[in-house]
Amino acid sequence: LEESELRVEDSEIDEAFDSVGPELVRALRFSLRRIRKVQLALLPRARRVVRSEGFTVMARSRPLPSVGCYVPGGRASYASTVLMTAGVAKFAGVPRVVLTSPPQRHGKVSPAVL
C-alpha cells in the first residue's frame, strides 16, 4: 500500500456525504445531539481535593491532544461507532481525532462511516 491509499481525501468525504441521503444524515445528527447531551453531563469538573495548611489542591481533567478511533467495517458499516468514539472525543475537547476503518469489497470505506 502507498501512503496515499491510507488517507481519505476531503473530496471523498464530500461525495460520501452526498451519497448517503438526507434521512441518514438527519438520523445521525439526531443521535449525535443526544450523545452530546449525555456525554457533556458526564465530563468531570474541576474539584477541590485537599485543603490543608493554607494550600488547596485541585483536580482538573484535560483532553488528550490526539486520539485514534477504530471503526469496524468491511461487510457492514457502523456509523454509530463513529459517533460514540470520534464524536465523544470532540465533545471532550480533543483537538485531533483520527479514524481508521477497513475498506469494503470495492476497496473504499463505507460512505456512512465517512
PDB file of N, CA and C in Angstrom:
ATOM      1  N   LEU A   1       0.825  -1.190   0.000  1.00  0.00           N
ATOM      2  CA  LEU A   1       0.000   0.000   0.000  1.00  0.00           C
ATOM      3  C   LEU A   1       0.866   1.248   0.000  1.00  0.00           C
ATOM      4  N   GLU A   2       0.390   2.232  -0.688  1.00  0.00           N
ATOM      5  CA  GLU A   2       1.037   3.538  -0.692  1.00  0.00           C
ATOM      6  C   GLU A   2       0.378   4.419   0.371  1.00  0.00           C
ATOM      7  N   GLU A   3       1.113   5.394   0.872  1.00  0.00           N
ATOM      8  CA  GLU A   3       0.560   6.298   1.883  1.00  0.00           C
ATOM      9  C   GLU A   3      -0.720   6.966   1.393  1.00  0.00           C
ATOM     10  N   SER A   4      -0.761   7.301   0.123  1.00  0.00           N
ATOM     11  CA  SER A   4      -1.950   7.963  -0.436  1.00  0.00           C
ATOM     12  C   SER A   4      -3.185   7.076  -0.375  1.00  0.00           C
ATOM     13  N   GLU A   5      -2.970   5.747  -0.307  1.00  0.00           N
ATOM     14  CA  GLU A   5      -4.095   4.816  -0.228  1.00  0.00           C
ATOM     15  C   GLU A   5      -4.637   4.690   1.197  1.00  0.00           C
ATOM     16  N   LEU A   6      -3.908   5.186   2.159  1.00  0.00           N
ATOM     17  CA  LEU A   6      -4.316   5.072   3.556  1.00  0.00           C
ATOM     18  C   LEU A   6      -5.146   6.255   4.027  1.00  0.00           C
ATOM     19  N   ARG A   7      -5.130   7.314   3.283  1.00  0.00           N
ATOM     20  CA  ARG A   7      -5.866   8.526   3.658  1.00  0.00           C
ATOM     21  C   ARG A   7      -7.079   8.701   2.764  1.00  0.00           C
ATOM     22  N   VAL A   8      -8.106   9.283   3.343  1.00  0.00           N
ATOM     23  CA  VAL A   8      -9.309   9.622   2.587  1.00  0.00           C
ATOM     24  C   VAL A   8      -9.259  11.119   2.315  1.00  0.00           C
ATOM     25  N   GLU A   9      -9.399  11.480   1.077  1.00  0.00           N
ATOM     26  CA  GLU A   9      -9.366  12.893   0.685  1.00  0.00           C
ATOM     27  C   GLU A   9     -10.669  13.589   1.079  1.00  0.00           C
ATOM     28  N   ASP A  10     -10.605  14.895   1.266  1.00  0.00           N
ATOM     29  CA  ASP A  10     -11.800  15.683   1.585  1.00  0.00           C
ATOM     30  C   ASP A  10     -12.884  15.499   0.530  1.00  0.00           C
ATOM     31  N   SER A  11     -12.480  15.386  -0.719  1.00  0.00           N
ATOM     32  CA  SER A  11     -13.459  15.215  -1.800  1.00  0.00           C
ATOM     33  C   SER A  11     -14.221  13.898  -1.653  1.00  0.00           C
ATOM     34  N   GLU A  12     -13.545  12.837  -1.165  1.00  0.00           N
ATOM     35  CA  GLU A  12     -14.219  11.558  -0.928  1.00  0.00           C
ATOM     36  C   GLU A  12     -15.236  11.681   0.206  1.00  0.00           C
ATOM     37  N   ILE A  13     -14.895  12.449   1.216  1.00  0.00           N
ATOM     38  CA  ILE A  13     -15.821  12.661   2.333  1.00  0.00           C
ATOM     39  C   ILE A  13     -17.043  13.430   1.847  1.00  0.00           C
ATOM     40  N   ASP A  14     -16.820  14.451   1.029  1.00  0.00           N
ATOM     41  CA  ASP A  14     -17.938  15.219   0.462  1.00  0.00           C
ATOM     42  C   ASP A  14     -18.840  14.335  -0.387  1.00  0.00           C
ATOM     43  N   GLU A  15     -18.234  13.484  -1.224  1.00  0.00           N
ATOM     44  CA  GLU A  15     -19.007  12.558  -2.063  1.00  0.00           C
ATOM     45  C   GLU A  15     -19.808  11.589  -1.196  1.00  0.00           C
ATOM     46  N   ALA A  16     -19.190  11.087  -0.143  1.00  0.00           N
ATOM     47  CA  ALA A  16     -19.871  10.150   0.753  1.00  0.00           C
ATOM     48  C   ALA A  16     -21.073  10.819   1.405  1.00  0.00           C
ATOM     49  N   PHE A  17     -20.891  12.049   1.859  1.00  0.00           N
ATOM     50  CA  PHE A  17     -21.989  12.794   2.486  1.00  0.00           C
ATOM     51  C   PHE A  17     -23.154  12.936   1.508  1.00  0.00           C
ATOM     52  N   ASP A  18     -22.848  13.280   0.273  1.00  0.00           N
ATOM     53  CA  ASP A  18     -23.894  13.451  -0.742  1.00  0.00           C
ATOM     54  C   ASP A  18     -24.577  12.136  -1.099  1.00  0.00           C
ATOM     55  N   SER A  19     -23.864  11.016  -0.959  1.00  0.00           N
ATOM     56  CA  SER A  19     -24.415   9.729  -1.398  1.00  0.00           C
ATOM     57  C   SER A  19     -25.290   9.030  -0.362  1.00  0.00           C
ATOM     58  N   VAL A  20     -25.154   9.360   0.919  1.00  0.00           N
ATOM     59  CA  VAL A  20     -25.899   8.611   1.936  1.00  0.00           C
ATOM     60  C   VAL A  20     -27.355   9.027   2.055  1.00  0.00           C
ATOM     61  N   GLY A  21     -27.684  10.186   1.625  1.00  0.00           N
ATOM     62  CA  GLY A  21     -29.079  10.611   1.660  1.00  0.00           C
ATOM     63  C   GLY A  21     -29.433  11.385   2.907  1.00  0.00           C
ATOM     64  N   PRO A  22     -30.426  12.250   2.782  1.00  0.00           N
ATOM     65  CA  PRO A  22     -30.795  13.145   3.882  1.00  0.00           C
ATOM     66  C   PRO A  22     -31.366  12.429   5.103  1.00  0.00           C
ATOM     67  N   GLU A  23     -32.033  11.289   4.905  1.00  0.00           N
ATOM     68  CA  GLU A  23     -32.613  10.568   6.053  1.00  0.00           C
ATOM     69  C   GLU A  23     -31.534  10.087   7.012  1.00  0.00           C
ATOM     70  N   LEU A  24     -30.478   9.498   6.463  1.00  0.00           N
ATOM     71  CA  LEU A  24     -29.390   9.017   7.314  1.00  0.00           C
ATOM     72  C   LEU A  24     -28.679  10.191   7.980  1.00  0.00           C
ATOM     73  N   VAL A  25     -28.456  11.250   7.245  1.00  0.00           N
ATOM     74  CA  VAL A  25     -27.803  12.436   7.818  1.00  0.00           C
ATOM     75  C   VAL A  25     -28.629  12.979   8.982  1.00  0.00           C
ATOM     76  N   ARG A  26     -29.942  13.079   8.806  1.00  0.00           N
ATOM     77  CA  ARG A  26     -30.819  13.553   9.896  1.00  0.00           C
ATOM     78  C   ARG A  26     -30.739  12.630  11.103  1.00  0.00           C
ATOM     79  N   ALA A  27     -30.784  11.323  10.852  1.00  0.00           N
ATOM     80  CA  ALA A  27     -30.737  10.356  11.953  1.00  0.00           C
ATOM     81  C   ALA A  27     -29.413  10.440  12.713  1.00  0.00           C
ATOM     82  N   LEU A  28     -28.316  10.574  11.980  1.00  0.00           N
ATOM     83  CA  LEU A  28     -27.010  10.669  12.636  1.00  0.00           C
ATOM     84  C   LEU A  28     -26.881  11.966  13.430  1.00  0.00           C
ATOM     85  N   ARG A  29     -27.369  13.056  12.878  1.00  0.00           N
ATOM     86  CA  ARG A  29     -27.322  14.332  13.610  1.00  0.00           C
ATOM     87  C   ARG A  29     -28.179  14.274  14.871  1.00  0.00           C
ATOM     88  N   PHE A  30     -29.348  13.663  14.766  1.00  0.00           N
ATOM     89  CA  PHE A  30     -30.225  13.496  15.925  1.00  0.00           C
ATOM     90  C   PHE A  30     -29.509  12.682  17.006  1.00  0.00           C
ATOM     91  N   SER A  31     -28.917  11.562  16.596  1.00  0.00           N
ATOM     92  CA  SER A  31     -28.198  10.707  17.547  1.00  0.00           C
ATOM     93  C   SER A  31     -27.032  11.450  18.178  1.00  0.00           C
ATOM     94  N   LEU A  32     -26.306  12.203  17.367  1.00  0.00           N
ATOM     95  CA  LEU A  32     -25.151  12.934  17.878  1.00  0.00           C
ATOM     96  C   LEU A  32     -25.558  13.980  18.916  1.00  0.00           C
ATOM     97  N   ARG A  33     -26.681  14.640  18.696  1.00  0.00           N
ATOM     98  CA  ARG A  33     -27.171  15.613  19.695  1.00  0.00           C
ATOM     99  C   ARG A  33     -27.483  14.922  21.022  1.00  0.00           C
ATOM    100  N   ARG A  34     -28.100  13.758  20.953  1.00  0.00           N
ATOM    101  CA  ARG A  34     -28.438  13.032  22.186  1.00  0.00           C
ATOM    102  C   ARG A  34     -27.180  12.528  22.889  1.00  0.00           C
ATOM    103  N   ILE A  35     -26.249  11.997  22.110  1.00  0.00           N
ATOM    104  CA  ILE A  35     -24.984  11.522  22.679  1.00  0.00           C
ATOM    105  C   ILE A  35     -24.254  12.687  23.347  1.00  0.00           C
ATOM    106  N   ARG A  36     -24.225  13.831  22.682  1.00  0.00           N
ATOM    107  CA  ARG A  36     -23.540  15.014  23.219  1.00  0.00           C
ATOM    108  C   ARG A  36     -24.134  15.423  24.563  1.00  0.00           C
ATOM    109  N   LYS A  37     -25.447  15.439  24.648  1.00  0.00           N
ATOM    110  CA  LYS A  37     -26.114  15.845  25.891  1.00  0.00           C
ATOM    111  C   LYS A  37     -25.684  14.948  27.055  1.00  0.00           C
ATOM    112  N   VAL A  38     -25.672  13.651  26.829  1.00  0.00           N
ATOM    113  CA  VAL A  38     -25.287  12.707  27.882  1.00  0.00           C
ATOM    114  C   VAL A  38     -23.804  12.846  28.212  1.00  0.00           C
ATOM    115  N   GLN A  39     -22.963  12.880  27.189  1.00  0.00           N
ATOM    116  CA  GLN A  39     -21.522  12.919  27.422  1.00  0.00           C
ATOM    117  C   GLN A  39     -21.071  14.211  28.103  1.00  0.00           C
ATOM    118  N   LEU A  40     -21.669  15.338  27.738  1.00  0.00           N
ATOM    119  CA  LEU A  40     -21.301  16.586  28.402  1.00  0.00           C
ATOM    120  C   LEU A  40     -21.667  16.559  29.883  1.00  0.00           C
ATOM    121  N   ALA A  41     -22.761  15.873  30.214  1.00  0.00           N
ATOM    122  CA  ALA A  41     -23.146  15.741  31.622  1.00  0.00           C
ATOM    123  C   ALA A  41     -22.153  14.861  32.387  1.00  0.00           C
ATOM    124  N   LEU A  42     -21.466  13.970  31.683  1.00  0.00           N
ATOM    125  CA  LEU A  42     -20.514  13.060  32.322  1.00  0.00           C
ATOM    126  C   LEU A  42     -19.105  13.629  32.443  1.00  0.00           C
ATOM    127  N   LEU A  43     -18.833  14.723  31.747  1.00  0.00           N
ATOM    128  CA  LEU A  43     -17.488  15.304  31.823  1.00  0.00           C
ATOM    129  C   LEU A  43     -17.166  15.710  33.258  1.00  0.00           C
ATOM    130  N   PRO A  44     -15.987  15.331  33.736  1.00  0.00           N
ATOM    131  CA  PRO A  44     -15.617  15.718  35.103  1.00  0.00           C
ATOM    132  C   PRO A  44     -15.359  17.220  35.202  1.00  0.00           C
ATOM    133  N   ARG A  45     -15.714  17.786  36.306  1.00  0.00           N
ATOM    134  CA  ARG A  45     -15.498  19.203  36.582  1.00  0.00           C
ATOM    135  C   ARG A  45     -14.299  19.344  37.523  1.00  0.00           C
ATOM    136  N   ALA A  46     -13.670  20.487  37.494  1.00  0.00           N
ATOM    137  CA  ALA A  46     -12.574  20.748  38.435  1.00  0.00           C
ATOM    138  C   ALA A  46     -13.144  20.686  39.850  1.00  0.00           C
ATOM    139  N   ARG A  47     -12.390  20.090  40.748  1.00  0.00           N
ATOM    140  CA  ARG A  47     -12.876  19.999  42.122  1.00  0.00           C
ATOM    141  C   ARG A  47     -11.708  20.114  43.105  1.00  0.00           C
ATOM    142  N   ARG A  48     -12.046  20.578  44.277  1.00  0.00           N
ATOM    143  CA  ARG A  48     -11.062  20.698  45.347  1.00  0.00           C
ATOM    144  C   ARG A  48     -10.869  19.311  45.948  1.00  0.00           C
ATOM    145  N   VAL A  49      -9.621  18.897  46.035  1.00  0.00           N
ATOM    146  CA  VAL A  49      -9.327  17.575  46.572  1.00  0.00           C
ATOM    147  C   VAL A  49      -8.870  17.668  48.025  1.00  0.00           C
ATOM    148  N   VAL A  50      -7.924  18.543  48.310  1.00  0.00           N
ATOM    149  CA  VAL A  50      -7.359  18.643  49.657  1.00  0.00           C
ATOM    150  C   VAL A  50      -7.180  20.115  50.007  1.00  0.00           C
ATOM    151  N   ARG A  51      -7.546  20.436  51.217  1.00  0.00           N
ATOM    152  CA  ARG A  51      -7.290  21.796  51.705  1.00  0.00           C
ATOM    153  C   ARG A  51      -6.615  21.641  53.065  1.00  0.00           C
ATOM    154  N   SER A  52      -5.372  22.114  53.122  1.00  0.00           N
ATOM    155  CA  SER A  52      -4.606  21.924  54.345  1.00  0.00           C
ATOM    156  C   SER A  52      -3.538  23.010  54.466  1.00  0.00           C
ATOM    157  N   GLU A  53      -3.366  23.524  55.664  1.00  0.00           N
ATOM    158  CA  GLU A  53      -2.307  24.484  55.971  1.00  0.00           C
ATOM    159  C   GLU A  53      -2.250  25.643  54.973  1.00  0.00           C
ATOM    160  N   GLY A  54      -3.398  26.133  54.580  1.00  0.00           N
ATOM    161  CA  GLY A  54      -3.437  27.281  53.685  1.00  0.00           C
ATOM    162  C   GLY A  54      -3.277  26.954  52.212  1.00  0.00           C
ATOM    163  N   PHE A  55      -3.144  25.681  51.879  1.00  0.00           N
ATOM    164  CA  PHE A  55      -2.998  25.268  50.485  1.00  0.00           C
ATOM    165  C   PHE A  55      -4.239  24.510  50.033  1.00  0.00           C
ATOM    166  N   THR A  56      -4.585  24.697  48.785  1.00  0.00           N
ATOM    167  CA  THR A  56      -5.687  23.946  48.193  1.00  0.00           C
ATOM    168  C   THR A  56      -5.157  23.192  46.982  1.00  0.00           C
ATOM    169  N   VAL A  57      -5.465  21.914  46.916  1.00  0.00           N
ATOM    170  CA  VAL A  57      -5.083  21.094  45.764  1.00  0.00           C
ATOM    171  C   VAL A  57      -6.341  20.838  44.946  1.00  0.00           C
ATOM    172  N   MET A  58      -6.244  21.135  43.665  1.00  0.00           N
ATOM    173  CA  MET A  58      -7.391  20.949  42.771  1.00  0.00           C
ATOM    174  C   MET A  58      -7.109  19.799  41.805  1.00  0.00           C
ATOM    175  N   ALA A  59      -8.155  19.073  41.470  1.00  0.00           N
ATOM    176  CA  ALA A  59      -8.071  18.036  40.430  1.00  0.00           C
ATOM    177  C   ALA A  59      -8.803  18.569  39.209  1.00  0.00           C
ATOM    178  N   ARG A  60      -8.147  18.514  38.088  1.00  0.00           N
ATOM    179  CA  ARG A  60      -8.716  19.049  36.858  1.00  0.00           C
ATOM    180  C   ARG A  60      -8.453  18.065  35.722  1.00  0.00           C
ATOM    181  N   SER A  61      -9.446  17.808  34.911  1.00  0.00           N
ATOM    182  CA  SER A  61      -9.283  16.928  33.753  1.00  0.00           C
ATOM    183  C   SER A  61      -8.980  17.761  32.522  1.00  0.00           C
ATOM    184  N   ARG A  62      -8.135  17.229  31.669  1.00  0.00           N
ATOM    185  CA  ARG A  62      -7.783  17.891  30.409  1.00  0.00           C
ATOM    186  C   ARG A  62      -7.905  16.863  29.280  1.00  0.00           C
ATOM    187  N   PRO A  63      -8.331  17.306  28.109  1.00  0.00           N
ATOM    188  CA  PRO A  63      -8.420  16.358  26.991  1.00  0.00           C
ATOM    189  C   PRO A  63      -7.030  15.955  26.491  1.00  0.00           C
ATOM    190  N   LEU A  64      -6.947  14.772  25.952  1.00  0.00           N
ATOM    191  CA  LEU A  64      -5.717  14.337  25.302  1.00  0.00           C
ATOM    192  C   LEU A  64      -5.488  15.180  24.052  1.00  0.00           C
ATOM    193  N   PRO A  65      -4.254  15.329  23.602  1.00  0.00           N
ATOM    194  CA  PRO A  65      -4.007  16.120  22.396  1.00  0.00           C
ATOM    195  C   PRO A  65      -4.448  15.412  21.116  1.00  0.00           C
ATOM    196  N   SER A  66      -4.533  14.087  21.165  1.00  0.00           N
ATOM    197  CA  SER A  66      -4.862  13.334  19.956  1.00  0.00           C
ATOM    198  C   SER A  66      -5.381  11.956  20.354  1.00  0.00           C
ATOM    199  N   VAL A  67      -6.359  11.449  19.622  1.00  0.00           N
ATOM    200  CA  VAL A  67      -6.839  10.082  19.847  1.00  0.00           C
ATOM    201  C   VAL A  67      -7.042   9.389  18.500  1.00  0.00           C
ATOM    202  N   GLY A  68      -6.957   8.071  18.529  1.00  0.00           N
ATOM    203  CA  GLY A  68      -7.246   7.252  17.352  1.00  0.00           C
ATOM    204  C   GLY A  68      -8.462   6.395  17.643  1.00  0.00           C
ATOM    205  N   CYS A  69      -9.362   6.290  16.684  1.00  0.00           N
ATOM    206  CA  CYS A  69     -10.595   5.519  16.847  1.00  0.00           C
ATOM    207  C   CYS A  69     -10.676   4.464  15.751  1.00  0.00           C
ATOM    208  N   TYR A  70     -10.975   3.235  16.138  1.00  0.00           N
ATOM    209  CA  TYR A  70     -11.166   2.162  15.166  1.00  0.00           C
ATOM    210  C   TYR A  70     -12.656   1.972  14.947  1.00  0.00           C
ATOM    211  N   VAL A  71     -13.072   1.994  13.696  1.00  0.00           N
ATOM    212  CA  VAL A  71     -14.476   1.795  13.347  1.00  0.00           C
ATOM    213  C   VAL A  71     -14.576   0.507  12.544  1.00  0.00           C
ATOM    214  N   PRO A  72     -15.189  -0.547  13.115  1.00  0.00           N
ATOM    215  CA  PRO A  72     -15.320  -1.791  12.356  1.00  0.00           C
ATOM    216  C   PRO A  72     -16.023  -1.544  11.026  1.00  0.00           C
ATOM    217  N   GLY A  73     -15.688  -2.314  10.064  1.00  0.00           N
ATOM    218  CA  GLY A  73     -16.297  -2.154   8.741  1.00  0.00           C
ATOM    219  C   GLY A  73     -16.060  -3.395   7.917  1.00  0.00           C
ATOM    220  N   GLY A  74     -15.955  -3.213   6.637  1.00  0.00           N
ATOM    221  CA  GLY A  74     -15.788  -4.358   5.761  1.00  0.00           C
ATOM    222  C   GLY A  74     -17.138  -4.794   5.251  1.00  0.00           C
ATOM    223  N   ARG A  75     -17.725  -5.799   5.864  1.00  0.00           N
ATOM    224  CA  ARG A  75     -19.032  -6.312   5.422  1.00  0.00           C
ATOM    225  C   ARG A  75     -20.196  -5.428   5.853  1.00  0.00           C
ATOM    226  N   ALA A  76     -20.058  -4.789   6.983  1.00  0.00           N
ATOM    227  CA  ALA A  76     -21.120  -3.904   7.488  1.00  0.00           C
ATOM    228  C   ALA A  76     -20.475  -2.589   7.906  1.00  0.00           C
ATOM    229  N   SER A  77     -21.260  -1.531   7.909  1.00  0.00           N
ATOM    230  CA  SER A  77     -20.719  -0.237   8.334  1.00  0.00           C
ATOM    231  C   SER A  77     -21.347   0.158   9.662  1.00  0.00           C
ATOM    232  N   TYR A  78     -20.559   0.804  10.489  1.00  0.00           N
ATOM    233  CA  TYR A  78     -21.001   1.146  11.831  1.00  0.00           C
ATOM    234  C   TYR A  78     -20.842   2.644  12.082  1.00  0.00           C
ATOM    235  N   ALA A  79     -21.720   3.412  11.508  1.00  0.00           N
ATOM    236  CA  ALA A  79     -21.677   4.864  11.703  1.00  0.00           C
ATOM    237  C   ALA A  79     -21.845   5.216  13.178  1.00  0.00           C
ATOM    238  N   SER A  80     -22.576   4.403  13.916  1.00  0.00           N
ATOM    239  CA  SER A  80     -22.781   4.678  15.341  1.00  0.00           C
ATOM    240  C   SER A  80     -21.464   4.636  16.114  1.00  0.00           C
ATOM    241  N   THR A  81     -20.523   3.804  15.677  1.00  0.00           N
ATOM    242  CA  THR A  81     -19.224   3.751  16.342  1.00  0.00           C
ATOM    243  C   THR A  81     -18.461   5.054  16.139  1.00  0.00           C
ATOM    244  N   VAL A  82     -18.627   5.675  14.983  1.00  0.00           N
ATOM    245  CA  VAL A  82     -18.000   6.982  14.747  1.00  0.00           C
ATOM    246  C   VAL A  82     -18.548   7.996  15.752  1.00  0.00           C
ATOM    247  N   LEU A  83     -19.862   7.988  15.938  1.00  0.00           N
ATOM    248  CA  LEU A  83     -20.481   8.934  16.870  1.00  0.00           C
ATOM    249  C   LEU A  83     -20.011   8.699  18.300  1.00  0.00           C
ATOM    250  N   MET A  84     -19.935   7.422  18.700  1.00  0.00           N
ATOM    251  CA  MET A  84     -19.612   7.091  20.087  1.00  0.00           C
ATOM    252  C   MET A  84     -18.116   7.153  20.397  1.00  0.00           C
ATOM    253  N   THR A  85     -17.276   7.248  19.384  1.00  0.00           N
ATOM    254  CA  THR A  85     -15.835   7.361  19.635  1.00  0.00           C
ATOM    255  C   THR A  85     -15.338   8.756  19.244  1.00  0.00           C
ATOM    256  N   ALA A  86     -15.362   9.053  17.969  1.00  0.00           N
ATOM    257  CA  ALA A  86     -14.864  10.354  17.499  1.00  0.00           C
ATOM    258  C   ALA A  86     -15.738  11.501  18.000  1.00  0.00           C
ATOM    259  N   GLY A  87     -17.051  11.294  17.981  1.00  0.00           N
ATOM    260  CA  GLY A  87     -17.953  12.339  18.468  1.00  0.00           C
ATOM    261  C   GLY A  87     -17.700  12.664  19.925  1.00  0.00           C
ATOM    262  N   VAL A  88     -17.574  11.636  20.736  1.00  0.00           N
ATOM    263  CA  VAL A  88     -17.335  11.833  22.168  1.00  0.00           C
ATOM    264  C   VAL A  88     -15.966  12.485  22.399  1.00  0.00           C
ATOM    265  N   ALA A  89     -14.965  12.085  21.629  1.00  0.00           N
ATOM    266  CA  ALA A  89     -13.642  12.705  21.764  1.00  0.00           C
ATOM    267  C   ALA A  89     -13.714  14.203  21.470  1.00  0.00           C
ATOM    268  N   LYS A  90     -14.449  14.580  20.438  1.00  0.00           N
ATOM    269  CA  LYS A  90     -14.582  16.001  20.104  1.00  0.00           C
ATOM    270  C   LYS A  90     -15.335  16.753  21.205  1.00  0.00           C
ATOM    271  N   PHE A  91     -16.376  16.144  21.776  1.00  0.00           N
ATOM    272  CA  PHE A  91     -17.106  16.793  22.873  1.00  0.00           C
ATOM    273  C   PHE A  91     -16.187  17.028  24.070  1.00  0.00           C
ATOM    274  N   ALA A  92     -15.243  16.107  24.277  1.00  0.00           N
ATOM    275  CA  ALA A  92     -14.314  16.215  25.403  1.00  0.00           C
ATOM    276  C   ALA A  92     -13.218  17.240  25.141  1.00  0.00           C
ATOM    277  N   GLY A  93     -13.163  17.759  23.920  1.00  0.00           N
ATOM    278  CA  GLY A  93     -12.185  18.788  23.601  1.00  0.00           C
ATOM    279  C   GLY A  93     -10.903  18.287  22.964  1.00  0.00           C
ATOM    280  N   VAL A  94     -10.888  17.042  22.505  1.00  0.00           N
ATOM    281  CA  VAL A  94      -9.698  16.503  21.839  1.00  0.00           C
ATOM    282  C   VAL A  94      -9.531  17.209  20.491  1.00  0.00           C
ATOM    283  N   PRO A  95      -8.400  17.888  20.268  1.00  0.00           N
ATOM    284  CA  PRO A  95      -8.254  18.658  19.032  1.00  0.00           C
ATOM    285  C   PRO A  95      -8.009  17.811  17.781  1.00  0.00           C
ATOM    286  N   ARG A  96      -7.372  16.655  17.920  1.00  0.00           N
ATOM    287  CA  ARG A  96      -7.037  15.837  16.745  1.00  0.00           C
ATOM    288  C   ARG A  96      -7.601  14.433  16.930  1.00  0.00           C
ATOM    289  N   VAL A  97      -8.524  14.056  16.058  1.00  0.00           N
ATOM    290  CA  VAL A  97      -9.140  12.729  16.100  1.00  0.00           C
ATOM    291  C   VAL A  97      -8.877  12.046  14.765  1.00  0.00           C
ATOM    292  N   VAL A  98      -8.310  10.845  14.824  1.00  0.00           N
ATOM    293  CA  VAL A  98      -8.007  10.074  13.623  1.00  0.00           C
ATOM    294  C   VAL A  98      -8.852   8.808  13.653  1.00  0.00           C
ATOM    295  N   LEU A  99      -9.518   8.524  12.537  1.00  0.00           N
ATOM    296  CA  LEU A  99     -10.319   7.309  12.418  1.00  0.00           C
ATOM    297  C   LEU A  99      -9.630   6.321  11.501  1.00  0.00           C
ATOM    298  N   THR A 100      -9.793   5.051  11.815  1.00  0.00           N
ATOM    299  CA  THR A 100      -9.349   4.007  10.909  1.00  0.00           C
ATOM    300  C   THR A 100     -10.489   3.013  10.765  1.00  0.00           C
ATOM    301  N   SER A 101     -10.666   2.515   9.549  1.00  0.00           N
ATOM    302  CA  SER A 101     -11.744   1.578   9.267  1.00  0.00           C
ATOM    303  C   SER A 101     -11.347   0.736   8.063  1.00  0.00           C
ATOM    304  N   PRO A 102     -11.611  -0.562   8.107  1.00  0.00           N
ATOM    305  CA  PRO A 102     -11.255  -1.387   6.949  1.00  0.00           C
ATOM    306  C   PRO A 102     -12.146  -1.059   5.750  1.00  0.00           C
ATOM    307  N   PRO A 103     -11.618  -1.244   4.557  1.00  0.00           N
ATOM    308  CA  PRO A 103     -12.420  -0.966   3.369  1.00  0.00           C
ATOM    309  C   PRO A 103     -13.458  -2.054   3.128  1.00  0.00           C
ATOM    310  N   GLN A 104     -14.455  -1.694   2.357  1.00  0.00           N
ATOM    311  CA  GLN A 104     -15.439  -2.675   1.912  1.00  0.00           C
ATOM    312  C   GLN A 104     -14.868  -3.412   0.697  1.00  0.00           C
ATOM    313  N   ARG A 105     -15.654  -4.297   0.120  1.00  0.00           N
ATOM    314  CA  ARG A 105     -15.168  -5.115  -1.001  1.00  0.00           C
ATOM    315  C   ARG A 105     -14.619  -4.294  -2.157  1.00  0.00           C
ATOM    316  N   HIS A 106     -15.193  -3.140  -2.406  1.00  0.00           N
ATOM    317  CA  HIS A 106     -14.751  -2.312  -3.530  1.00  0.00           C
ATOM    318  C   HIS A 106     -13.501  -1.496  -3.203  1.00  0.00           C
ATOM    319  N   GLY A 107     -12.963  -1.677  -1.993  1.00  0.00           N
ATOM    320  CA  GLY A 107     -11.718  -1.017  -1.626  1.00  0.00           C
ATOM    321  C   GLY A 107     -11.860   0.350  -0.987  1.00  0.00           C
ATOM    322  N   LYS A 108     -13.078   0.786  -0.749  1.00  0.00           N
ATOM    323  CA  LYS A 108     -13.324   2.102  -0.148  1.00  0.00           C
ATOM    324  C   LYS A 108     -14.003   1.935   1.212  1.00  0.00           C
ATOM    325  N   VAL A 109     -13.837   2.943   2.058  1.00  0.00           N
ATOM    326  CA  VAL A 109     -14.518   2.960   3.354  1.00  0.00           C
ATOM    327  C   VAL A 109     -15.990   3.285   3.118  1.00  0.00           C
ATOM    328  N   SER A 110     -16.846   2.686   3.911  1.00  0.00           N
ATOM    329  CA  SER A 110     -18.290   2.904   3.786  1.00  0.00           C
ATOM    330  C   SER A 110     -18.632   4.389   3.839  1.00  0.00           C
ATOM    331  N   PRO A 111     -19.479   4.868   2.927  1.00  0.00           N
ATOM    332  CA  PRO A 111     -19.901   6.272   2.964  1.00  0.00           C
ATOM    333  C   PRO A 111     -20.561   6.662   4.290  1.00  0.00           C
ATOM    334  N   ALA A 112     -21.289   5.747   4.911  1.00  0.00           N
ATOM    335  CA  ALA A 112     -21.938   6.051   6.194  1.00  0.00           C
ATOM    336  C   ALA A 112     -20.907   6.311   7.285  1.00  0.00           C
ATOM    337  N   VAL A 113     -19.771   5.656   7.212  1.00  0.00           N
ATOM    338  CA  VAL A 113     -18.699   5.864   8.189  1.00  0.00           C
ATOM    339  C   VAL A 113     -17.999   7.195   7.928  1.00  0.00           C
ATOM    340  N   LEU A 114     -17.803   7.523   6.655  1.00  0.00           N
ATOM    341  CA  LEU A 114     -17.148   8.798   6.326  1.00  0.00           C
ATOM    342  C   LEU A 114     -18.031   9.963   6.677  1.00  0.00           C
TER     343      LEU A 114
END
